[in-house]
């Protein structure tokens, strides 16, 4: 009888610990890189000429506010883009940055094939 009670308590403790650890891991896991191209196709960017200094500051601000993670920051730098975050510090879109960028249809997301001048 004591052995059965012990095993029941052990099983309950194990499943409780497992549930808590899964919940913590799923909550603490950072999002992956959501930046999948130079521009966000789901949102049209209305401002097309922002200087690089402004874009740099906005990327840093979004990174500090945890709107974007480091991988997304690196992608935005490569694509010369600026994040658009809402008031809850959630990434809602990203737009190209600078007056010399183009708003072409980037099929393969390789900026080296475009002449951006």
PDB file of N, CA and C in Angstrom:
ATOM      1  N   UNK A   1       0.818  -1.192   0.000  1.00  0.00           N
ATOM      2  CA  UNK A   1       0.000   0.000   0.000  1.00  0.00           C
ATOM      3  C   UNK A   1       0.864   1.258   0.000  1.00  0.00           C
ATOM      4  N   UNK A   2       1.902   1.264   0.860  1.00  0.00           N
ATOM      5  CA  UNK A   2       2.781   2.420   0.918  1.00  0.00           C
ATOM      6  C   UNK A   2       3.560   2.579  -0.384  1.00  0.00           C
ATOM      7  N   UNK A   3       3.892   1.455  -0.993  1.00  0.00           N
ATOM      8  CA  UNK A   3       4.634   1.495  -2.247  1.00  0.00           C
ATOM      9  C   UNK A   3       3.771   2.116  -3.348  1.00  0.00           C
ATOM     10  N   UNK A   4       2.501   1.735  -3.389  1.00  0.00           N
ATOM     11  CA  UNK A   4       1.581   2.271  -4.390  1.00  0.00           C
ATOM     12  C   UNK A   4       1.377   3.770  -4.182  1.00  0.00           C
ATOM     13  N   UNK A   5       1.221   4.198  -2.953  1.00  0.00           N
ATOM     14  CA  UNK A   5       1.041   5.613  -2.635  1.00  0.00           C
ATOM     15  C   UNK A   5       2.296   6.409  -3.006  1.00  0.00           C
ATOM     16  N   UNK A   6       3.452   5.819  -2.716  1.00  0.00           N
ATOM     17  CA  UNK A   6       4.713   6.467  -3.072  1.00  0.00           C
ATOM     18  C   UNK A   6       4.827   6.645  -4.580  1.00  0.00           C
ATOM     19  N   UNK A   7       4.501   5.606  -5.352  1.00  0.00           N
ATOM     20  CA  UNK A   7       4.577   5.688  -6.810  1.00  0.00           C
ATOM     21  C   UNK A   7       3.584   6.705  -7.376  1.00  0.00           C
ATOM     22  N   UNK A   8       2.408   6.807  -6.782  1.00  0.00           N
ATOM     23  CA  UNK A   8       1.430   7.801  -7.233  1.00  0.00           C
ATOM     24  C   UNK A   8       1.954   9.219  -6.997  1.00  0.00           C
ATOM     25  N   UNK A   9       2.517   9.455  -5.830  1.00  0.00           N
ATOM     26  CA  UNK A   9       3.065  10.779  -5.531  1.00  0.00           C
ATOM     27  C   UNK A   9       4.258  11.093  -6.427  1.00  0.00           C
ATOM     28  N   UNK A  10       5.070  10.085  -6.674  1.00  0.00           N
ATOM     29  CA  UNK A  10       6.218  10.269  -7.556  1.00  0.00           C
ATOM     30  C   UNK A  10       5.762  10.613  -8.974  1.00  0.00           C
ATOM     31  N   UNK A  11       4.757   9.908  -9.468  1.00  0.00           N
ATOM     32  CA  UNK A  11       4.235  10.179 -10.808  1.00  0.00           C
ATOM     33  C   UNK A  11       3.633  11.579 -10.884  1.00  0.00           C
ATOM     34  N   UNK A  12       2.875  11.970  -9.866  1.00  0.00           N
ATOM     35  CA  UNK A  12       2.294  13.319  -9.840  1.00  0.00           C
ATOM     36  C   UNK A  12       3.390  14.380  -9.843  1.00  0.00           C
ATOM     37  N   UNK A  13       4.410  14.177  -9.040  1.00  0.00           N
ATOM     38  CA  UNK A  13       5.515  15.139  -8.977  1.00  0.00           C
ATOM     39  C   UNK A  13       6.247  15.220 -10.311  1.00  0.00           C
ATOM     40  N   UNK A  14       6.463  14.059 -10.922  1.00  0.00           N
ATOM     41  CA  UNK A  14       7.150  14.028 -12.211  1.00  0.00           C
ATOM     42  C   UNK A  14       6.360  14.790 -13.269  1.00  0.00           C
ATOM     43  N   UNK A  15       5.064  14.516 -13.379  1.00  0.00           N
ATOM     44  CA  UNK A  15       4.249  15.180 -14.396  1.00  0.00           C
ATOM     45  C   UNK A  15       4.074  16.675 -14.113  1.00  0.00           C
ATOM     46  N   UNK A  16       4.014  17.044 -12.856  1.00  0.00           N
ATOM     47  CA  UNK A  16       3.939  18.459 -12.516  1.00  0.00           C
ATOM     48  C   UNK A  16       5.229  19.171 -12.922  1.00  0.00           C
ATOM     49  N   UNK A  17       6.361  18.564 -12.605  1.00  0.00           N
ATOM     50  CA  UNK A  17       7.652  19.143 -12.980  1.00  0.00           C
ATOM     51  C   UNK A  17       7.796  19.222 -14.493  1.00  0.00           C
ATOM     52  N   UNK A  18       7.389  18.178 -15.184  1.00  0.00           N
ATOM     53  CA  UNK A  18       7.449  18.166 -16.641  1.00  0.00           C
ATOM     54  C   UNK A  18       6.561  19.255 -17.233  1.00  0.00           C
ATOM     55  N   UNK A  19       5.366  19.403 -16.724  1.00  0.00           N
ATOM     56  CA  UNK A  19       4.439  20.432 -17.217  1.00  0.00           C
ATOM     57  C   UNK A  19       4.989  21.833 -17.004  1.00  0.00           C
ATOM     58  N   UNK A  20       5.536  22.072 -15.838  1.00  0.00           N
ATOM     59  CA  UNK A  20       6.091  23.395 -15.548  1.00  0.00           C
ATOM     60  C   UNK A  20       7.283  23.690 -16.445  1.00  0.00           C
ATOM     61  N   UNK A  21       8.161  22.719 -16.624  1.00  0.00           N
ATOM     62  CA  UNK A  21       9.345  22.962 -17.454  1.00  0.00           C
ATOM     63  C   UNK A  21       8.968  23.191 -18.915  1.00  0.00           C
ATOM     64  N   UNK A  22       7.986  22.481 -19.425  1.00  0.00           N
ATOM     65  CA  UNK A  22       7.534  22.703 -20.806  1.00  0.00           C
ATOM     66  C   UNK A  22       6.905  24.086 -20.941  1.00  0.00           C
ATOM     67  N   UNK A  23       6.106  24.477 -19.964  1.00  0.00           N
ATOM     68  CA  UNK A  23       5.476  25.802 -20.007  1.00  0.00           C
ATOM     69  C   UNK A  23       6.521  26.908 -19.973  1.00  0.00           C
ATOM     70  N   UNK A  24       7.518  26.766 -19.121  1.00  0.00           N
ATOM     71  CA  UNK A  24       8.566  27.783 -19.028  1.00  0.00           C
ATOM     72  C   UNK A  24       9.367  27.839 -20.320  1.00  0.00           C
ATOM     73  N   UNK A  25       9.716  26.700 -20.873  1.00  0.00           N
ATOM     74  CA  UNK A  25      10.487  26.680 -22.110  1.00  0.00           C
ATOM     75  C   UNK A  25       9.719  27.276 -23.279  1.00  0.00           C
ATOM     76  N   UNK A  26       8.453  26.987 -23.379  1.00  0.00           N
ATOM     77  CA  UNK A  26       7.676  27.523 -24.500  1.00  0.00           C
ATOM     78  C   UNK A  26       7.475  29.023 -24.356  1.00  0.00           C
ATOM     79  N   UNK A  27       7.374  29.511 -23.134  1.00  0.00           N
ATOM     80  CA  UNK A  27       7.219  30.948 -22.917  1.00  0.00           C
ATOM     81  C   UNK A  27       8.543  31.677 -23.125  1.00  0.00           C
ATOM     82  N   UNK A  28       9.639  31.076 -22.705  1.00  0.00           N
ATOM     83  CA  UNK A  28      10.933  31.734 -22.753  1.00  0.00           C
ATOM     84  C   UNK A  28      11.613  31.624 -24.108  1.00  0.00           C
ATOM     85  N   UNK A  29      11.132  30.769 -24.965  1.00  0.00           N
ATOM     86  CA  UNK A  29      11.780  30.579 -26.258  1.00  0.00           C
ATOM     87  C   UNK A  29      11.622  31.831 -27.112  1.00  0.00           C
ATOM     88  N   UNK A  30      12.732  32.404 -27.593  1.00  0.00           N
ATOM     89  CA  UNK A  30      12.618  33.597 -28.423  1.00  0.00           C
ATOM     90  C   UNK A  30      12.058  33.234 -29.796  1.00  0.00           C
ATOM     91  N   UNK A  31      11.397  34.182 -30.430  1.00  0.00           N
ATOM     92  CA  UNK A  31      10.894  33.886 -31.765  1.00  0.00           C
ATOM     93  C   UNK A  31      12.055  33.723 -32.732  1.00  0.00           C
ATOM     94  N   UNK A  32      11.827  32.999 -33.781  1.00  0.00           N
ATOM     95  CA  UNK A  32      12.849  32.841 -34.801  1.00  0.00           C
ATOM     96  C   UNK A  32      12.999  34.124 -35.591  1.00  0.00           C
ATOM     97  N   UNK A  33      13.760  34.069 -36.628  1.00  0.00           N
ATOM     98  CA  UNK A  33      13.964  35.230 -37.482  1.00  0.00           C
ATOM     99  C   UNK A  33      12.745  35.402 -38.374  1.00  0.00           C
ATOM    100  N   UNK A  34      11.946  36.432 -38.114  1.00  0.00           N
ATOM    101  CA  UNK A  34      10.727  36.676 -38.879  1.00  0.00           C
ATOM    102  C   UNK A  34      10.987  37.509 -40.124  1.00  0.00           C
ATOM    103  N   UNK A  35      12.209  38.011 -40.272  1.00  0.00           N
ATOM    104  CA  UNK A  35      12.551  38.834 -41.425  1.00  0.00           C
ATOM    105  C   UNK A  35      12.899  37.892 -42.567  1.00  0.00           C
ATOM    106  N   UNK A  36      12.011  37.789 -43.555  1.00  0.00           N
ATOM    107  CA  UNK A  36      12.227  36.837 -44.641  1.00  0.00           C
ATOM    108  C   UNK A  36      12.506  37.511 -45.975  1.00  0.00           C
ATOM    109  N   UNK A  37      12.753  38.783 -45.983  1.00  0.00           N
ATOM    110  CA  UNK A  37      13.067  39.484 -47.217  1.00  0.00           C
ATOM    111  C   UNK A  37      13.316  40.954 -46.953  1.00  0.00           C
ATOM    112  N   UNK A  38      13.733  41.684 -47.980  1.00  0.00           N
ATOM    113  CA  UNK A  38      14.040  43.104 -47.813  1.00  0.00           C
ATOM    114  C   UNK A  38      12.840  43.949 -47.408  1.00  0.00           C
ATOM    115  N   UNK A  39      11.651  43.547 -47.827  1.00  0.00           N
ATOM    116  CA  UNK A  39      10.440  44.270 -47.451  1.00  0.00           C
ATOM    117  C   UNK A  39       9.382  43.276 -47.016  1.00  0.00           C
ATOM    118  N   UNK A  40       8.463  43.739 -46.197  1.00  0.00           N
ATOM    119  CA  UNK A  40       7.348  42.906 -45.756  1.00  0.00           C
ATOM    120  C   UNK A  40       6.248  43.019 -46.793  1.00  0.00           C
ATOM    121  N   UNK A  41       5.905  41.924 -47.417  1.00  0.00           N
ATOM    122  CA  UNK A  41       4.907  41.949 -48.491  1.00  0.00           C
ATOM    123  C   UNK A  41       3.485  42.164 -47.975  1.00  0.00           C
ATOM    124  N   UNK A  42       3.282  42.011 -46.678  1.00  0.00           N
ATOM    125  CA  UNK A  42       1.925  42.144 -46.151  1.00  0.00           C
ATOM    126  C   UNK A  42       1.559  43.593 -45.846  1.00  0.00           C
ATOM    127  N   UNK A  43       2.514  44.496 -45.912  1.00  0.00           N
ATOM    128  CA  UNK A  43       2.244  45.889 -45.575  1.00  0.00           C
ATOM    129  C   UNK A  43       2.939  46.791 -46.578  1.00  0.00           C
ATOM    130  N   UNK A  44       2.258  47.795 -47.041  1.00  0.00           N
ATOM    131  CA  UNK A  44       2.859  48.748 -47.971  1.00  0.00           C
ATOM    132  C   UNK A  44       3.487  49.880 -47.165  1.00  0.00           C
ATOM    133  N   UNK A  45       4.739  50.139 -47.427  1.00  0.00           N
ATOM    134  CA  UNK A  45       5.455  51.201 -46.726  1.00  0.00           C
ATOM    135  C   UNK A  45       5.236  52.516 -47.461  1.00  0.00           C
ATOM    136  N   UNK A  46       4.802  53.520 -46.742  1.00  0.00           N
ATOM    137  CA  UNK A  46       4.478  54.796 -47.365  1.00  0.00           C
ATOM    138  C   UNK A  46       5.656  55.753 -47.394  1.00  0.00           C
ATOM    139  N   UNK A  47       6.573  55.616 -46.458  1.00  0.00           N
ATOM    140  CA  UNK A  47       7.738  56.499 -46.426  1.00  0.00           C
ATOM    141  C   UNK A  47       8.860  55.812 -47.183  1.00  0.00           C
ATOM    142  N   UNK A  48       9.373  56.470 -48.218  1.00  0.00           N
ATOM    143  CA  UNK A  48      10.388  55.796 -49.025  1.00  0.00           C
ATOM    144  C   UNK A  48      11.753  56.461 -48.962  1.00  0.00           C
ATOM    145  N   UNK A  49      11.941  57.500 -48.175  1.00  0.00           N
ATOM    146  CA  UNK A  49      13.264  58.119 -48.111  1.00  0.00           C
ATOM    147  C   UNK A  49      13.611  58.494 -46.672  1.00  0.00           C
ATOM    148  N   UNK A  50      14.171  57.531 -45.959  1.00  0.00           N
ATOM    149  CA  UNK A  50      14.648  57.763 -44.597  1.00  0.00           C
ATOM    150  C   UNK A  50      16.165  57.656 -44.625  1.00  0.00           C
ATOM    151  N   UNK A  51      16.847  58.541 -43.908  1.00  0.00           N
ATOM    152  CA  UNK A  51      18.304  58.472 -43.947  1.00  0.00           C
ATOM    153  C   UNK A  51      18.806  57.311 -43.095  1.00  0.00           C
ATOM    154  N   UNK A  52      20.030  56.912 -43.362  1.00  0.00           N
ATOM    155  CA  UNK A  52      20.603  55.731 -42.709  1.00  0.00           C
ATOM    156  C   UNK A  52      20.755  55.922 -41.202  1.00  0.00           C
ATOM    157  N   UNK A  53      21.057  57.135 -40.763  1.00  0.00           N
ATOM    158  CA  UNK A  53      21.211  57.386 -39.331  1.00  0.00           C
ATOM    159  C   UNK A  53      19.894  57.146 -38.592  1.00  0.00           C
ATOM    160  N   UNK A  54      18.805  57.636 -39.155  1.00  0.00           N
ATOM    161  CA  UNK A  54      17.485  57.413 -38.558  1.00  0.00           C
ATOM    162  C   UNK A  54      17.170  55.920 -38.509  1.00  0.00           C
ATOM    163  N   UNK A  55      17.454  55.221 -39.589  1.00  0.00           N
ATOM    164  CA  UNK A  55      17.171  53.786 -39.650  1.00  0.00           C
ATOM    165  C   UNK A  55      18.000  53.017 -38.628  1.00  0.00           C
ATOM    166  N   UNK A  56      19.268  53.393 -38.495  1.00  0.00           N
ATOM    167  CA  UNK A  56      20.134  52.750 -37.505  1.00  0.00           C
ATOM    168  C   UNK A  56      19.558  52.920 -36.099  1.00  0.00           C
ATOM    169  N   UNK A  57      19.161  54.154 -35.767  1.00  0.00           N
ATOM    170  CA  UNK A  57      18.615  54.421 -34.434  1.00  0.00           C
ATOM    171  C   UNK A  57      17.317  53.652 -34.194  1.00  0.00           C
ATOM    172  N   UNK A  58      16.478  53.545 -35.199  1.00  0.00           N
ATOM    173  CA  UNK A  58      15.219  52.812 -35.049  1.00  0.00           C
ATOM    174  C   UNK A  58      15.455  51.314 -34.873  1.00  0.00           C
ATOM    175  N   UNK A  59      16.449  50.772 -35.593  1.00  0.00           N
ATOM    176  CA  UNK A  59      16.775  49.345 -35.422  1.00  0.00           C
ATOM    177  C   UNK A  59      17.295  49.083 -34.013  1.00  0.00           C
ATOM    178  N   UNK A  60      18.182  49.959 -33.523  1.00  0.00           N
ATOM    179  CA  UNK A  60      18.723  49.812 -32.168  1.00  0.00           C
ATOM    180  C   UNK A  60      17.604  49.931 -31.139  1.00  0.00           C
ATOM    181  N   UNK A  61      16.712  50.904 -31.319  1.00  0.00           N
ATOM    182  CA  UNK A  61      15.598  51.098 -30.391  1.00  0.00           C
ATOM    183  C   UNK A  61      14.711  49.855 -30.354  1.00  0.00           C
ATOM    184  N   UNK A  62      14.402  49.298 -31.530  1.00  0.00           N
ATOM    185  CA  UNK A  62      13.556  48.099 -31.593  1.00  0.00           C
ATOM    186  C   UNK A  62      14.242  46.908 -30.931  1.00  0.00           C
ATOM    187  N   UNK A  63      15.558  46.807 -31.089  1.00  0.00           N
ATOM    188  CA  UNK A  63      16.307  45.723 -30.452  1.00  0.00           C
ATOM    189  C   UNK A  63      16.302  45.887 -28.932  1.00  0.00           C
ATOM    190  N   UNK A  64      16.511  47.108 -28.455  1.00  0.00           N
ATOM    191  CA  UNK A  64      16.514  47.355 -27.009  1.00  0.00           C
ATOM    192  C   UNK A  64      15.143  47.110 -26.385  1.00  0.00           C
ATOM    193  N   UNK A  65      14.080  47.416 -27.111  1.00  0.00           N
ATOM    194  CA  UNK A  65      12.716  47.226 -26.605  1.00  0.00           C
ATOM    195  C   UNK A  65      12.218  45.796 -26.809  1.00  0.00           C
ATOM    196  N   UNK A  66      13.075  44.945 -27.378  1.00  0.00           N
ATOM    197  CA  UNK A  66      12.765  43.532 -27.619  1.00  0.00           C
ATOM    198  C   UNK A  66      11.618  43.342 -28.612  1.00  0.00           C
ATOM    199  N   UNK A  67      11.478  44.310 -29.497  1.00  0.00           N
ATOM    200  CA  UNK A  67      10.529  44.154 -30.604  1.00  0.00           C
ATOM    201  C   UNK A  67      11.111  43.174 -31.619  1.00  0.00           C
ATOM    202  N   UNK A  68      12.432  43.213 -31.774  1.00  0.00           N
ATOM    203  CA  UNK A  68      13.140  42.296 -32.666  1.00  0.00           C
ATOM    204  C   UNK A  68      14.256  41.634 -31.873  1.00  0.00           C
ATOM    205  N   UNK A  69      14.699  40.481 -32.363  1.00  0.00           N
ATOM    206  CA  UNK A  69      15.831  39.817 -31.717  1.00  0.00           C
ATOM    207  C   UNK A  69      17.101  40.101 -32.526  1.00  0.00           C
ATOM    208  N   UNK A  70      18.228  39.590 -32.077  1.00  0.00           N
ATOM    209  CA  UNK A  70      19.507  39.892 -32.722  1.00  0.00           C
ATOM    210  C   UNK A  70      19.556  39.372 -34.155  1.00  0.00           C
ATOM    211  N   UNK A  71      19.010  38.186 -34.412  1.00  0.00           N
ATOM    212  CA  UNK A  71      18.990  37.656 -35.780  1.00  0.00           C
ATOM    213  C   UNK A  71      18.190  38.561 -36.701  1.00  0.00           C
ATOM    214  N   UNK A  72      17.060  39.042 -36.219  1.00  0.00           N
ATOM    215  CA  UNK A  72      16.233  39.940 -37.025  1.00  0.00           C
ATOM    216  C   UNK A  72      16.936  41.276 -37.244  1.00  0.00           C
ATOM    217  N   UNK A  73      17.625  41.761 -36.225  1.00  0.00           N
ATOM    218  CA  UNK A  73      18.396  42.998 -36.377  1.00  0.00           C
ATOM    219  C   UNK A  73      19.439  42.830 -37.477  1.00  0.00           C
ATOM    220  N   UNK A  74      20.173  41.715 -37.432  1.00  0.00           N
ATOM    221  CA  UNK A  74      21.197  41.462 -38.444  1.00  0.00           C
ATOM    222  C   UNK A  74      20.591  41.388 -39.841  1.00  0.00           C
ATOM    223  N   UNK A  75      19.429  40.757 -39.966  1.00  0.00           N
ATOM    224  CA  UNK A  75      18.762  40.679 -41.265  1.00  0.00           C
ATOM    225  C   UNK A  75      18.324  42.054 -41.747  1.00  0.00           C
ATOM    226  N   UNK A  76      17.813  42.873 -40.843  1.00  0.00           N
ATOM    227  CA  UNK A  76      17.393  44.223 -41.224  1.00  0.00           C
ATOM    228  C   UNK A  76      18.578  45.060 -41.687  1.00  0.00           C
ATOM    229  N   UNK A  77      19.735  44.883 -41.062  1.00  0.00           N
ATOM    230  CA  UNK A  77      20.936  45.598 -41.494  1.00  0.00           C
ATOM    231  C   UNK A  77      21.326  45.143 -42.897  1.00  0.00           C
ATOM    232  N   UNK A  78      21.311  43.844 -43.131  1.00  0.00           N
ATOM    233  CA  UNK A  78      21.667  43.316 -44.453  1.00  0.00           C
ATOM    234  C   UNK A  78      20.708  43.826 -45.520  1.00  0.00           C
ATOM    235  N   UNK A  79      19.417  43.811 -45.222  1.00  0.00           N
ATOM    236  CA  UNK A  79      18.406  44.256 -46.184  1.00  0.00           C
ATOM    237  C   UNK A  79      18.232  45.769 -46.208  1.00  0.00           C
ATOM    238  N   UNK A  80      18.958  46.484 -45.341  1.00  0.00           N
ATOM    239  CA  UNK A  80      18.830  47.936 -45.226  1.00  0.00           C
ATOM    240  C   UNK A  80      17.368  48.304 -45.015  1.00  0.00           C
ATOM    241  N   UNK A  81      16.788  47.716 -43.973  1.00  0.00           N
ATOM    242  CA  UNK A  81      15.367  47.906 -43.678  1.00  0.00           C
ATOM    243  C   UNK A  81      15.192  48.426 -42.262  1.00  0.00           C
ATOM    244  N   UNK A  82      13.995  48.907 -41.992  1.00  0.00           N
ATOM    245  CA  UNK A  82      13.656  49.471 -40.693  1.00  0.00           C
ATOM    246  C   UNK A  82      12.452  48.714 -40.138  1.00  0.00           C
ATOM    247  N   UNK A  83      12.472  48.332 -38.859  1.00  0.00           N
ATOM    248  CA  UNK A  83      11.322  47.618 -38.293  1.00  0.00           C
ATOM    249  C   UNK A  83      10.187  48.580 -37.958  1.00  0.00           C
ATOM    250  N   UNK A  84       8.979  48.084 -38.061  1.00  0.00           N
ATOM    251  CA  UNK A  84       7.797  48.831 -37.617  1.00  0.00           C
ATOM    252  C   UNK A  84       7.198  48.048 -36.455  1.00  0.00           C
ATOM    253  N   UNK A  85       7.242  48.644 -35.267  1.00  0.00           N
ATOM    254  CA  UNK A  85       6.744  47.994 -34.052  1.00  0.00           C
ATOM    255  C   UNK A  85       5.497  48.718 -33.563  1.00  0.00           C
ATOM    256  N   UNK A  86       4.593  47.964 -32.979  1.00  0.00           N
ATOM    257  CA  UNK A  86       3.403  48.605 -32.414  1.00  0.00           C
ATOM    258  C   UNK A  86       3.690  49.043 -30.978  1.00  0.00           C
ATOM    259  N   UNK A  87       2.694  49.582 -30.299  1.00  0.00           N
ATOM    260  CA  UNK A  87       2.908  50.108 -28.944  1.00  0.00           C
ATOM    261  C   UNK A  87       3.169  49.014 -27.917  1.00  0.00           C
ATOM    262  N   UNK A  88       2.936  47.757 -28.275  1.00  0.00           N
ATOM    263  CA  UNK A  88       3.242  46.632 -27.386  1.00  0.00           C
ATOM    264  C   UNK A  88       4.604  46.025 -27.689  1.00  0.00           C
ATOM    265  N   UNK A  89       5.403  46.738 -28.474  1.00  0.00           N
ATOM    266  CA  UNK A  89       6.735  46.284 -28.885  1.00  0.00           C
ATOM    267  C   UNK A  89       6.684  44.949 -29.612  1.00  0.00           C
ATOM    268  N   UNK A  90       5.726  44.816 -30.512  1.00  0.00           N
ATOM    269  CA  UNK A  90       5.608  43.639 -31.364  1.00  0.00           C
ATOM    270  C   UNK A  90       5.904  44.061 -32.795  1.00  0.00           C
ATOM    271  N   UNK A  91       6.678  43.254 -33.481  1.00  0.00           N
ATOM    272  CA  UNK A  91       7.007  43.543 -34.877  1.00  0.00           C
ATOM    273  C   UNK A  91       5.767  43.349 -35.736  1.00  0.00           C
ATOM    274  N   UNK A  92       5.375  44.395 -36.460  1.00  0.00           N
ATOM    275  CA  UNK A  92       4.215  44.272 -37.339  1.00  0.00           C
ATOM    276  C   UNK A  92       4.615  44.316 -38.803  1.00  0.00           C
ATOM    277  N   UNK A  93       5.781  44.893 -39.101  1.00  0.00           N
ATOM    278  CA  UNK A  93       6.244  44.966 -40.489  1.00  0.00           C
ATOM    279  C   UNK A  93       7.668  45.497 -40.509  1.00  0.00           C
ATOM    280  N   UNK A  94       8.241  45.561 -41.690  1.00  0.00           N
ATOM    281  CA  UNK A  94       9.530  46.210 -41.890  1.00  0.00           C
ATOM    282  C   UNK A  94       9.533  46.802 -43.291  1.00  0.00           C
ATOM    283  N   UNK A  95      10.208  47.920 -43.424  1.00  0.00           N
ATOM    284  CA  UNK A  95      10.235  48.664 -44.684  1.00  0.00           C
ATOM    285  C   UNK A  95      11.679  48.949 -45.065  1.00  0.00           C
ATOM    286  N   UNK A  96      11.900  49.151 -46.364  1.00  0.00           N
ATOM    287  CA  UNK A  96      13.253  49.473 -46.796  1.00  0.00           C
ATOM    288  C   UNK A  96      13.612  50.877 -46.349  1.00  0.00           C
ATOM    289  N   UNK A  97      14.900  51.125 -46.310  1.00  0.00           N
ATOM    290  CA  UNK A  97      15.425  52.311 -45.658  1.00  0.00           C
ATOM    291  C   UNK A  97      16.365  53.052 -46.600  1.00  0.00           C
ATOM    292  N   UNK A  98      16.370  54.353 -46.521  1.00  0.00           N
ATOM    293  CA  UNK A  98      17.283  55.153 -47.322  1.00  0.00           C
ATOM    294  C   UNK A  98      16.670  55.554 -48.642  1.00  0.00           C
ATOM    295  N   UNK A  99      17.136  56.669 -49.162  1.00  0.00           N
ATOM    296  CA  UNK A  99      16.566  57.188 -50.404  1.00  0.00           C
ATOM    297  C   UNK A  99      17.070  56.459 -51.632  1.00  0.00           C
ATOM    298  N   UNK A 100      18.130  55.671 -51.487  1.00  0.00           N
ATOM    299  CA  UNK A 100      18.678  54.991 -52.655  1.00  0.00           C
ATOM    300  C   UNK A 100      18.291  53.518 -52.720  1.00  0.00           C
ATOM    301  N   UNK A 101      17.322  53.104 -51.945  1.00  0.00           N
ATOM    302  CA  UNK A 101      16.853  51.725 -52.021  1.00  0.00           C
ATOM    303  C   UNK A 101      15.715  51.639 -53.012  1.00  0.00           C
ATOM    304  N   UNK A 102      15.472  50.459 -53.494  1.00  0.00           N
ATOM    305  CA  UNK A 102      14.400  50.268 -54.456  1.00  0.00           C
ATOM    306  C   UNK A 102      13.326  49.401 -53.844  1.00  0.00           C
ATOM    307  N   UNK A 103      12.134  49.510 -54.349  1.00  0.00           N
ATOM    308  CA  UNK A 103      11.013  48.709 -53.867  1.00  0.00           C
ATOM    309  C   UNK A 103      10.625  47.716 -54.962  1.00  0.00           C
ATOM    310  N   UNK A 104      11.622  46.963 -55.412  1.00  0.00           N
ATOM    311  CA  UNK A 104      11.397  45.967 -56.456  1.00  0.00           C
ATOM    312  C   UNK A 104      10.784  44.709 -55.879  1.00  0.00           C
ATOM    313  N   UNK A 105      10.373  43.834 -56.760  1.00  0.00           N
ATOM    314  CA  UNK A 105       9.865  42.541 -56.331  1.00  0.00           C
ATOM    315  C   UNK A 105      11.064  41.616 -56.135  1.00  0.00           C
ATOM    316  N   UNK A 106      11.454  41.380 -54.896  1.00  0.00           N
ATOM    317  CA  UNK A 106      12.626  40.572 -54.583  1.00  0.00           C
ATOM    318  C   UNK A 106      12.215  39.103 -54.536  1.00  0.00           C
ATOM    319  N   UNK A 107      12.395  38.410 -55.631  1.00  0.00           N
ATOM    320  CA  UNK A 107      11.959  37.018 -55.690  1.00  0.00           C
ATOM    321  C   UNK A 107      12.873  36.097 -54.895  1.00  0.00           C
ATOM    322  N   UNK A 108      14.185  36.260 -55.059  1.00  0.00           N
ATOM    323  CA  UNK A 108      15.086  35.320 -54.390  1.00  0.00           C
ATOM    324  C   UNK A 108      15.789  35.939 -53.185  1.00  0.00           C
ATOM    325  N   UNK A 109      15.440  37.142 -52.816  1.00  0.00           N
ATOM    326  CA  UNK A 109      15.954  37.804 -51.617  1.00  0.00           C
ATOM    327  C   UNK A 109      17.478  37.897 -51.597  1.00  0.00           C
ATOM    328  N   UNK A 110      18.098  38.028 -52.750  1.00  0.00           N
ATOM    329  CA  UNK A 110      19.542  38.171 -52.812  1.00  0.00           C
ATOM    330  C   UNK A 110      19.851  39.586 -53.282  1.00  0.00           C
ATOM    331  N   UNK A 111      20.294  40.439 -52.375  1.00  0.00           N
ATOM    332  CA  UNK A 111      20.526  41.836 -52.732  1.00  0.00           C
ATOM    333  C   UNK A 111      21.747  42.020 -53.616  1.00  0.00           C
ATOM    334  N   UNK A 112      22.620  41.044 -53.692  1.00  0.00           N
ATOM    335  CA  UNK A 112      23.820  41.197 -54.496  1.00  0.00           C
ATOM    336  C   UNK A 112      23.518  41.262 -55.986  1.00  0.00           C
ATOM    337  N   UNK A 113      22.367  40.782 -56.408  1.00  0.00           N
ATOM    338  CA  UNK A 113      22.068  40.796 -57.834  1.00  0.00           C
ATOM    339  C   UNK A 113      21.431  42.108 -58.276  1.00  0.00           C
ATOM    340  N   UNK A 114      21.096  42.990 -57.332  1.00  0.00           N
ATOM    341  CA  UNK A 114      20.478  44.263 -57.672  1.00  0.00           C
ATOM    342  C   UNK A 114      21.513  45.375 -57.625  1.00  0.00           C
ATOM    343  N   UNK A 115      21.386  46.307 -58.520  1.00  0.00           N
ATOM    344  CA  UNK A 115      22.262  47.462 -58.539  1.00  0.00           C
ATOM    345  C   UNK A 115      21.572  48.576 -57.768  1.00  0.00           C
ATOM    346  N   UNK A 116      21.870  48.674 -56.478  1.00  0.00           N
ATOM    347  CA  UNK A 116      21.210  49.666 -55.627  1.00  0.00           C
ATOM    348  C   UNK A 116      22.129  50.873 -55.515  1.00  0.00           C
ATOM    349  N   UNK A 117      21.852  51.877 -56.312  1.00  0.00           N
ATOM    350  CA  UNK A 117      22.667  53.103 -56.309  1.00  0.00           C
ATOM    351  C   UNK A 117      21.785  54.301 -56.350  1.00  0.00           C
TER     352      UNK A 117
END
